Structures are given as C-alpha cells and as structure tokens.
C-alpha cells in the first residue's frame, strides 16, 4: 500500500493543473485528417429554407431591415 496521498482538488493550483496538462498533451495527439475535397460549383443547386425559418430570419433586424 502506498503512503502517497493525492492532494484534494481544492489544494491543486491553476499553475499545477496547467503544468499537468502540458505534460499530458503529447499523449493526446489527434490523427491528421485528409483535406476535404472541394465541391464543384455545378453540383451546388441551392438551399431550401422552410417558410417558418425564413420568417424568423426576416424578422431579425440584423438580416431583414
């Protein structure tokens, strides 16, 4: 049995927490994702907006006035 007692959460300072995170960061490397393939403009046919959503946007002063 270990005699090491972990400090309570309230005893850990922000600096200690940031240091712990910095040491762990290399272990959390995310795999690289391939770049998305651009869509040809000829494949974009428009957007359909439900009437209720169009009324909502039209009523917002940032968009409709």
C-alpha atoms as a PDB file:
ATOM      1  CA  UNK A   1       0.000   0.000   0.000  1.00  0.00           C
ATOM      2  CA  UNK A   2       1.335   3.425  -0.920  1.00  0.00           C
ATOM      3  CA  UNK A   3       1.839   6.190   1.638  1.00  0.00           C
ATOM      4  CA  UNK A   4       1.351   8.841  -1.073  1.00  0.00           C
ATOM      5  CA  UNK A   5      -1.851  10.806  -0.585  1.00  0.00           C
ATOM      6  CA  UNK A   6      -3.209  12.679  -3.561  1.00  0.00           C
ATOM      7  CA  UNK A   7      -3.987  16.324  -2.763  1.00  0.00           C
ATOM      8  CA  UNK A   8      -7.614  17.306  -2.610  1.00  0.00           C
ATOM      9  CA  UNK A   9      -8.922  19.137  -5.655  1.00  0.00           C
ATOM     10  CA  UNK A  10      -9.040  22.448  -3.779  1.00  0.00           C
ATOM     11  CA  UNK A  11      -5.301  22.149  -2.963  1.00  0.00           C
ATOM     12  CA  UNK A  12      -4.206  21.994  -6.609  1.00  0.00           C
ATOM     13  CA  UNK A  13      -3.300  25.389  -8.026  1.00  0.00           C
ATOM     14  CA  UNK A  14      -4.119  26.514 -11.538  1.00  0.00           C
ATOM     15  CA  UNK A  15      -0.413  26.596 -12.383  1.00  0.00           C
ATOM     16  CA  UNK A  16      -0.037  22.964 -11.287  1.00  0.00           C
ATOM     17  CA  UNK A  17      -3.069  21.956 -13.308  1.00  0.00           C
ATOM     18  CA  UNK A  18      -1.746  23.717 -16.422  1.00  0.00           C
ATOM     19  CA  UNK A  19       1.622  22.025 -15.933  1.00  0.00           C
ATOM     20  CA  UNK A  20      -0.041  18.627 -15.676  1.00  0.00           C
ATOM     21  CA  UNK A  21      -1.999  19.316 -18.867  1.00  0.00           C
ATOM     22  CA  UNK A  22       1.140  20.446 -20.714  1.00  0.00           C
ATOM     23  CA  UNK A  23       2.923  17.232 -19.741  1.00  0.00           C
ATOM     24  CA  UNK A  24      -0.027  15.114 -20.902  1.00  0.00           C
ATOM     25  CA  UNK A  25      -0.628  16.969 -24.190  1.00  0.00           C
ATOM     26  CA  UNK A  26       1.864  14.874 -26.222  1.00  0.00           C
ATOM     27  CA  UNK A  27      -0.098  11.760 -25.243  1.00  0.00           C
ATOM     28  CA  UNK A  28      -3.292  13.166 -26.781  1.00  0.00           C
ATOM     29  CA  UNK A  29      -2.127  13.768 -30.340  1.00  0.00           C
ATOM     30  CA  UNK A  30      -5.055  13.514 -32.744  1.00  0.00           C
ATOM     31  CA  UNK A  31      -4.569  11.775 -36.064  1.00  0.00           C
ATOM     32  CA  UNK A  32      -4.355  14.094 -39.049  1.00  0.00           C
ATOM     33  CA  UNK A  33      -7.396  14.160 -41.273  1.00  0.00           C
ATOM     34  CA  UNK A  34      -7.167  14.387 -45.044  1.00  0.00           C
ATOM     35  CA  UNK A  35      -8.087  17.750 -46.524  1.00  0.00           C
ATOM     36  CA  UNK A  36     -11.706  17.902 -47.690  1.00  0.00           C
ATOM     37  CA  UNK A  37     -12.240  17.644 -51.423  1.00  0.00           C
ATOM     38  CA  UNK A  38     -13.765  20.825 -52.874  1.00  0.00           C
ATOM     39  CA  UNK A  39     -17.255  20.520 -54.340  1.00  0.00           C
ATOM     40  CA  UNK A  40     -17.652  21.597 -57.945  1.00  0.00           C
ATOM     41  CA  UNK A  41     -19.980  24.625 -58.308  1.00  0.00           C
ATOM     42  CA  UNK A  42     -22.040  22.645 -60.831  1.00  0.00           C
ATOM     43  CA  UNK A  43     -23.061  20.270 -58.024  1.00  0.00           C
ATOM     44  CA  UNK A  44     -24.432  23.073 -55.814  1.00  0.00           C
ATOM     45  CA  UNK A  45     -28.112  23.501 -56.651  1.00  0.00           C
ATOM     46  CA  UNK A  46     -29.289  25.880 -53.954  1.00  0.00           C
ATOM     47  CA  UNK A  47     -30.691  25.824 -50.476  1.00  0.00           C
ATOM     48  CA  UNK A  48     -34.255  25.149 -49.384  1.00  0.00           C
ATOM     49  CA  UNK A  49     -35.376  27.144 -46.357  1.00  0.00           C
ATOM     50  CA  UNK A  50     -38.625  26.257 -44.572  1.00  0.00           C
ATOM     51  CA  UNK A  51     -41.116  29.197 -44.529  1.00  0.00           C
ATOM     52  CA  UNK A  52     -41.063  29.401 -40.705  1.00  0.00           C
ATOM     53  CA  UNK A  53     -37.283  29.783 -40.719  1.00  0.00           C
ATOM     54  CA  UNK A  54     -37.423  32.396 -43.464  1.00  0.00           C
ATOM     55  CA  UNK A  55     -39.955  34.424 -41.429  1.00  0.00           C
ATOM     56  CA  UNK A  56     -37.744  34.156 -38.341  1.00  0.00           C
ATOM     57  CA  UNK A  57     -34.698  35.492 -40.201  1.00  0.00           C
ATOM     58  CA  UNK A  58     -36.774  38.182 -41.918  1.00  0.00           C
ATOM     59  CA  UNK A  59     -37.996  39.384 -38.512  1.00  0.00           C
ATOM     60  CA  UNK A  60     -34.449  39.796 -37.167  1.00  0.00           C
ATOM     61  CA  UNK A  61     -33.222  43.352 -37.537  1.00  0.00           C
ATOM     62  CA  UNK A  62     -29.685  42.213 -38.375  1.00  0.00           C
ATOM     63  CA  UNK A  63     -30.958  40.479 -41.511  1.00  0.00           C
ATOM     64  CA  UNK A  64     -34.312  41.861 -42.600  1.00  0.00           C
ATOM     65  CA  UNK A  65     -34.288  45.609 -42.034  1.00  0.00           C
END
